[in-house]
Amino acid sequence: MDCQCARKQGHDLNNDAVSADLLRQTDRHPCYSFDAHHKYARMHVPVAPKCNISCNYCNRKFDCVNESRPGVTSEILTPERALQKFNLVREKLSALSVVGIAGPGDALANWAETRRTIELVKQSAPDIIFCLSTNGLLLPEYAGEIAELGVKHVTVTVNSLDPEIGRNIYKYVNYKGKRYQGKEAAARLMANQLAGIELLVRSGMLVKVNIVMIKNINDTHIPDIVKKVKELGAFITNIMPLIPAPGSAFADFPGTDTQELNHMRNICQADLRQMYHCRQCRADAIGLLGDDRSFEFRLPAEDNDISPAEAVKEAV
């Protein structure tokens, strides 16, 4: 399908309170702007291995170089190593406009590392655009600090508004020292996601909501999610196909084909702009959305580096 429909909406939805400067930034953000993804590159720095929830569509294998999906990386970086790599990439990739933290776990579950990375890169390149991806569990706690750091683009993955549906998507949620399961886990996560999105929007950030489309689980529920996040002020939603990851609880589930996916996007387009050009990037992706060059920029190993295999043992 041609993605022109996503572009033609321009900035006419949910933008009354968005500044002209922020919209200019967004025009250089390949995940928020269809036009930008052909011209501008992004860099994901994998500084966040820990995760505080367990999704049934995810496995915690980070180190497969042949997989391109969220949660996969070939290295775990400290904030200092992330800065080193950023400076290397910036020298060689003139189209670089965005630095994102998208795991391989959750950016907010690794807040100290996430915050330090942003601070270091901002000192080196004040004009770079920062982007965070999160499951949203800790957003009510950290939304204020995210705003203070000058981050203007945050992606939150929201797969359900109904705990009965959510219990089939999430195995558990770890929150403030307690492990929740079943409907209780889903309800806690969803409440924090929605409260967090509202806080982000009130602080002047643009929020992209990712939704994983899972057949016979949440697929018919997706229009309700889109309507709700629109009410909260979300800028765009990104409905993504399930990738049946080996080793995950959903490994044998059917994937979502392109026709089904775009049909759902077209339905939801009536309420809120949709992202049609997502590539479901790795946590260490570098380059244009359709041209991952991360393998070109892997840093030489150091003695104190944490391997992805070691990180997974500590991350759950």
Protein backbone atom coordinates (compact mmCIF):
# COMPACT_ATOMS: atom_id res chain seq x y z
CA MET A 1 0.00 0.00 0.00
CA ASP A 2 1.16 3.53 -0.74
CA CYS A 3 1.76 5.44 2.48
CA GLN A 4 0.68 8.79 1.05
CA CYS A 5 -2.43 8.79 3.24
CA ALA A 6 -0.30 9.03 6.35
CA ARG A 7 1.56 11.96 4.86
CA LYS A 8 -1.44 13.85 3.51
CA GLN A 9 -2.84 14.34 6.97
CA GLY A 10 0.06 16.72 7.54
CA HIS A 11 -0.19 18.39 10.93
CA ASP A 12 -3.95 18.81 11.09
CA LEU A 13 -4.83 16.35 13.86
CA ASN A 14 -4.14 16.78 17.57
CA ASN A 15 -1.67 19.59 16.95
CA ASP A 16 -3.41 22.65 18.37
CA ALA A 17 -0.97 22.84 21.28
CA VAL A 18 2.15 21.73 19.38
CA SER A 19 4.75 24.42 18.81
CA ALA A 20 6.08 25.21 15.37
CA ASP A 21 9.59 24.35 16.57
CA LEU A 22 8.49 20.91 17.70
CA LEU A 23 6.74 20.27 14.41
CA ARG A 24 9.94 21.23 12.59
CA GLN A 25 11.81 18.70 14.73
CA THR A 26 9.19 16.11 13.93
CA ASP A 27 9.68 16.69 10.22
CA ARG A 28 13.20 15.27 10.77
CA HIS A 29 12.05 12.27 12.80
CA PRO A 30 11.70 9.20 10.55
CA CYS A 31 9.30 7.39 12.90
CA TYR A 32 6.91 10.31 13.27
CA SER A 33 7.02 11.63 9.71
CA PHE A 34 6.51 9.62 6.52
CA ASP A 35 8.52 12.10 4.46
CA ALA A 36 11.43 12.00 6.92
CA HIS A 37 12.01 8.26 6.74
CA HIS A 38 13.45 8.54 3.22
CA LYS A 39 15.86 11.34 4.18
CA TYR A 40 16.82 11.16 7.84
CA ALA A 41 18.58 8.45 9.83
CA ARG A 42 18.10 7.33 13.39
CA MET A 43 20.45 5.63 15.82
CA HIS A 44 19.28 3.33 18.62
CA VAL A 45 21.71 3.04 21.51
CA PRO A 46 21.19 -0.25 23.43
CA VAL A 47 21.83 0.96 26.97
CA ALA A 48 18.68 -0.45 28.60
CA PRO A 49 18.77 -4.27 29.03
CA LYS A 50 16.47 -4.60 32.04
CA CYS A 51 12.72 -5.02 31.60
CA ASN A 52 9.97 -4.91 34.21
CA ILE A 53 7.24 -6.79 32.34
CA SER A 54 7.07 -10.08 30.43
CA CYS A 55 5.21 -9.98 27.11
CA ASN A 56 4.11 -13.24 25.56
CA TYR A 57 5.32 -12.12 22.12
CA CYS A 58 8.85 -11.37 23.34
CA ASN A 59 11.86 -13.50 24.02
CA ARG A 60 14.95 -12.20 25.76
CA LYS A 61 17.50 -13.37 23.22
CA PHE A 62 19.41 -10.21 22.33
CA ASP A 63 22.39 -11.45 20.41
CA CYS A 64 21.18 -12.76 17.05
CA VAL A 65 22.59 -10.58 14.27
CA ASN A 66 20.22 -12.11 11.71
CA GLU A 67 17.02 -10.97 13.41
CA SER A 68 15.44 -7.58 12.90
CA ARG A 69 12.84 -6.96 15.56
CA PRO A 70 12.48 -5.03 18.81
CA GLY A 71 14.43 -6.47 21.73
CA VAL A 72 17.34 -7.71 19.63
CA THR A 73 20.85 -6.26 19.85
CA SER A 74 24.40 -7.45 19.32
CA GLU A 75 25.88 -5.37 22.12
CA ILE A 76 24.98 -3.69 25.39
CA LEU A 77 26.52 -0.23 25.86
CA THR A 78 27.26 1.88 28.89
CA PRO A 79 26.30 5.54 28.52
CA GLU A 80 29.96 6.40 27.95
CA ARG A 81 30.30 3.77 25.24
CA ALA A 82 27.03 4.98 23.71
CA LEU A 83 28.52 8.48 23.43
CA GLN A 84 31.65 7.04 21.85
CA LYS A 85 29.56 5.21 19.29
CA PHE A 86 27.32 8.22 18.65
CA ASN A 87 30.33 10.39 17.82
CA LEU A 88 31.60 7.72 15.43
CA VAL A 89 28.24 7.42 13.68
CA ARG A 90 27.73 11.16 13.47
CA GLU A 91 31.06 11.56 11.65
CA LYS A 92 30.07 9.06 8.99
CA LEU A 93 26.30 9.48 8.72
CA SER A 94 25.41 13.04 7.76
CA ALA A 95 21.68 12.28 7.67
CA LEU A 96 21.59 11.33 11.37
CA SER A 97 18.85 13.32 13.12
CA VAL A 98 17.56 11.12 15.96
CA VAL A 99 19.07 9.19 18.85
CA GLY A 100 16.62 6.73 20.35
CA ILE A 101 16.68 4.44 23.37
CA ALA A 102 14.53 1.43 22.57
CA GLY A 103 15.84 -1.25 24.88
CA PRO A 104 16.63 -4.02 24.40
CA GLY A 105 14.58 -3.93 27.62
CA ASP A 106 12.69 -0.86 28.80
CA ALA A 107 14.19 2.62 28.80
CA LEU A 108 12.57 3.57 32.11
CA ALA A 109 13.46 0.33 33.87
CA ASN A 110 17.06 1.42 33.23
CA TRP A 111 16.49 5.06 34.06
CA ALA A 112 19.94 5.90 35.41
CA GLU A 113 21.58 4.65 32.21
CA THR A 114 18.95 6.22 29.99
CA ARG A 115 19.22 9.62 31.68
CA ARG A 116 23.03 9.61 31.64
CA THR A 117 23.10 8.68 27.95
CA ILE A 118 20.80 11.55 27.06
CA GLU A 119 22.86 13.99 29.12
CA LEU A 120 26.13 12.92 27.49
CA VAL A 121 24.82 13.01 23.94
CA LYS A 122 23.12 16.39 24.52
CA GLN A 123 26.44 17.84 25.65
CA SER A 124 28.08 16.56 22.47
CA ALA A 125 25.25 17.44 20.06
CA PRO A 126 22.65 19.87 21.47
CA ASP A 127 20.59 19.82 18.26
CA ILE A 128 20.07 16.07 18.07
CA ILE A 129 16.49 14.83 18.53
CA PHE A 130 15.98 12.37 21.37
CA CYS A 131 13.38 9.63 21.40
CA LEU A 132 12.45 7.07 24.06
CA SER A 133 10.45 3.86 23.79
CA THR A 134 8.80 2.37 26.86
CA ASN A 135 6.13 -0.05 27.98
CA GLY A 136 4.79 2.81 30.10
CA LEU A 137 4.78 1.11 33.50
CA LEU A 138 7.03 3.75 35.07
CA LEU A 139 5.83 6.76 33.09
CA PRO A 140 3.90 8.36 35.99
CA GLU A 141 7.15 8.30 37.97
CA TYR A 142 9.50 9.62 35.28
CA ALA A 143 7.42 11.81 32.95
CA GLY A 144 8.59 14.96 34.71
CA GLU A 145 12.26 14.05 34.45
CA ILE A 146 11.84 13.12 30.78
CA ALA A 147 10.44 16.60 30.16
CA GLU A 148 13.26 18.25 32.10
CA LEU A 149 15.82 16.45 29.92
CA GLY A 150 14.28 18.06 26.84
CA VAL A 151 13.01 14.85 25.26
CA LYS A 152 10.11 15.66 22.94
CA HIS A 153 9.23 12.29 21.38
CA VAL A 154 8.17 9.26 23.42
CA THR A 155 6.76 5.98 22.15
CA VAL A 156 4.54 3.91 24.45
CA THR A 157 3.41 0.38 23.60
CA VAL A 158 -0.25 -0.11 24.55
CA ASN A 159 -1.75 -3.44 23.51
CA SER A 160 -4.99 -3.45 25.46
CA LEU A 161 -7.38 -1.39 27.57
CA ASP A 162 -9.17 -4.44 28.95
CA PRO A 163 -7.46 -6.52 31.68
CA GLU A 164 -9.26 -9.62 30.41
CA ILE A 165 -7.51 -9.17 27.06
CA GLY A 166 -4.28 -8.01 28.65
CA ARG A 167 -3.92 -11.11 30.79
CA ASN A 168 -3.43 -13.07 27.55
CA ILE A 169 -0.64 -10.73 26.40
CA TYR A 170 1.40 -10.21 29.55
CA LYS A 171 2.85 -12.98 31.70
CA TYR A 172 3.74 -10.72 34.62
CA VAL A 173 4.48 -7.16 35.68
CA ASN A 174 7.13 -6.25 38.25
CA TYR A 175 6.18 -2.99 39.98
CA LYS A 176 7.62 -1.46 43.14
CA GLY A 177 9.01 -4.72 44.42
CA LYS A 178 5.93 -6.83 43.74
CA ARG A 179 5.20 -9.23 40.89
CA TYR A 180 1.68 -9.04 39.49
CA GLN A 181 0.14 -11.65 37.23
CA GLY A 182 -3.07 -12.18 35.27
CA LYS A 183 -5.70 -9.46 35.20
CA GLU A 184 -4.08 -7.65 38.11
CA ALA A 185 -0.83 -7.27 36.16
CA ALA A 186 -2.61 -6.05 33.04
CA ALA A 187 -4.74 -3.58 35.01
CA ARG A 188 -1.71 -2.06 36.75
CA LEU A 189 0.20 -1.70 33.50
CA MET A 190 -2.72 -0.17 31.61
CA ALA A 191 -3.54 2.35 34.33
CA ASN A 192 0.06 3.58 34.37
CA GLN A 193 0.28 3.68 30.57
CA LEU A 194 -2.78 5.90 30.23
CA ALA A 195 -1.82 8.16 33.12
CA GLY A 196 1.69 8.43 31.73
CA ILE A 197 0.57 9.33 28.21
CA GLU A 198 -1.58 12.12 29.62
CA LEU A 199 1.36 13.46 31.64
CA LEU A 200 3.66 13.41 28.62
CA VAL A 201 1.17 15.29 26.45
CA ARG A 202 0.58 17.88 29.16
CA SER A 203 4.34 18.41 29.31
CA GLY A 204 4.45 19.24 25.62
CA MET A 205 5.77 15.97 24.24
CA LEU A 206 4.61 14.13 21.14
CA VAL A 207 3.50 10.60 21.93
CA LYS A 208 3.49 7.73 19.46
CA VAL A 209 1.54 4.70 20.62
CA ASN A 210 2.67 1.31 19.34
CA ILE A 211 0.11 -1.51 19.22
CA VAL A 212 1.04 -5.11 18.42
CA MET A 213 -1.79 -6.67 16.43
CA ILE A 214 -2.34 -10.24 17.67
CA LYS A 215 -4.95 -12.38 15.92
CA ASN A 216 -7.79 -13.59 18.14
CA ILE A 217 -6.33 -11.74 21.12
CA ASN A 218 -6.53 -7.96 20.67
CA ASP A 219 -7.14 -7.43 16.95
CA THR A 220 -10.82 -6.39 17.22
CA HIS A 221 -9.98 -4.23 20.25
CA ILE A 222 -7.45 -2.02 18.47
CA PRO A 223 -9.88 0.71 17.29
CA ASP A 224 -10.87 1.24 20.92
CA ILE A 225 -7.22 1.70 21.90
CA VAL A 226 -6.71 4.25 19.14
CA LYS A 227 -9.79 6.23 20.18
CA LYS A 228 -8.68 6.28 23.80
CA VAL A 229 -5.11 7.42 23.17
CA LYS A 230 -6.43 10.09 20.84
CA GLU A 231 -8.52 11.40 23.74
CA LEU A 232 -5.33 11.58 25.80
CA GLY A 233 -3.58 13.59 23.08
CA ALA A 234 -1.44 11.01 21.28
CA PHE A 235 0.10 12.29 18.05
CA ILE A 236 0.17 9.06 16.03
CA THR A 237 -0.39 5.33 16.44
CA ASN A 238 1.72 2.57 14.95
CA ILE A 239 -0.16 -0.71 14.55
CA MET A 240 2.47 -3.41 14.10
CA PRO A 241 2.19 -7.06 13.06
CA LEU A 242 2.94 -9.78 15.55
CA ILE A 243 6.34 -11.34 14.89
CA PRO A 244 6.09 -14.92 16.24
CA ALA A 245 9.49 -14.94 17.94
CA PRO A 246 11.09 -18.34 18.55
CA GLY A 247 11.14 -19.15 22.24
CA SER A 248 8.25 -16.83 23.09
CA ALA A 249 4.81 -17.90 24.30
CA PHE A 250 3.40 -16.73 20.96
CA ALA A 251 6.03 -18.53 18.86
CA ASP A 252 3.34 -20.66 17.16
CA PHE A 253 0.78 -17.88 16.75
CA PRO A 254 -0.07 -16.76 13.21
CA GLY A 255 1.61 -13.58 12.08
CA THR A 256 -0.40 -10.62 10.82
CA ASP A 257 -0.29 -10.25 7.04
CA THR A 258 0.11 -6.90 5.34
CA GLN A 259 -3.46 -6.79 4.01
CA GLU A 260 -4.96 -7.34 7.47
CA LEU A 261 -2.58 -4.85 9.01
CA ASN A 262 -3.28 -2.06 6.55
CA HIS A 263 -7.01 -2.71 6.73
CA MET A 264 -6.85 -2.05 10.47
CA ARG A 265 -4.66 1.00 9.95
CA ASN A 266 -7.14 2.37 7.42
CA ILE A 267 -10.01 1.91 9.87
CA CYS A 268 -8.09 3.71 12.63
CA GLN A 269 -6.90 6.45 10.28
CA ALA A 270 -10.36 7.98 10.57
CA ASP A 271 -9.60 8.79 14.21
CA LEU A 272 -5.85 9.39 14.35
CA ARG A 273 -2.91 9.50 11.96
CA GLN A 274 -1.27 6.14 11.36
CA MET A 275 2.30 5.06 10.75
CA TYR A 276 2.49 2.85 7.68
CA HIS A 277 6.27 2.71 7.28
CA CYS A 278 7.46 1.05 10.52
CA ARG A 279 10.26 -1.52 10.19
CA GLN A 280 10.07 -2.87 13.79
CA CYS A 281 13.69 -1.99 14.35
CA ARG A 282 16.37 -3.66 16.42
CA ALA A 283 17.49 -2.04 19.66
CA ASP A 284 20.82 -1.21 18.01
CA ALA A 285 19.52 -0.09 14.59
CA ILE A 286 21.40 2.65 12.73
CA GLY A 287 20.58 4.36 9.44
CA LEU A 288 17.47 4.94 7.36
CA LEU A 289 14.46 2.88 8.38
CA GLY A 290 14.79 0.70 5.31
CA ASP A 291 18.59 0.43 5.41
CA ASP A 292 19.97 -0.76 8.75
CA ARG A 293 23.74 -0.22 8.87
CA SER A 294 24.31 -1.15 12.51
CA PHE A 295 26.80 -3.89 11.59
CA GLU A 296 29.14 -1.20 10.22
CA PHE A 297 29.45 0.57 13.56
CA ARG A 298 29.94 -2.12 16.18
CA LEU A 299 32.56 -1.05 18.69
CA PRO A 300 35.64 -3.16 19.42
CA ALA A 301 35.01 -5.20 22.54
CA GLU A 302 36.45 -4.03 25.85
CA ASP A 303 37.21 -6.12 28.90
CA ASN A 304 34.36 -4.67 30.97
CA ASP A 305 31.68 -4.90 28.25
CA ILE A 306 28.49 -6.78 29.14
CA SER A 307 27.51 -9.26 26.46
CA PRO A 308 23.85 -9.57 25.43
CA ALA A 309 23.86 -13.14 26.72
CA GLU A 310 25.00 -11.98 30.16
CA ALA A 311 22.60 -9.06 30.16
CA VAL A 312 19.57 -11.27 29.59
CA LYS A 313 20.31 -13.15 32.82
CA GLU A 314 20.16 -9.89 34.77
CA ALA A 315 17.35 -8.24 32.85
CA VAL A 316 14.27 -10.27 33.77
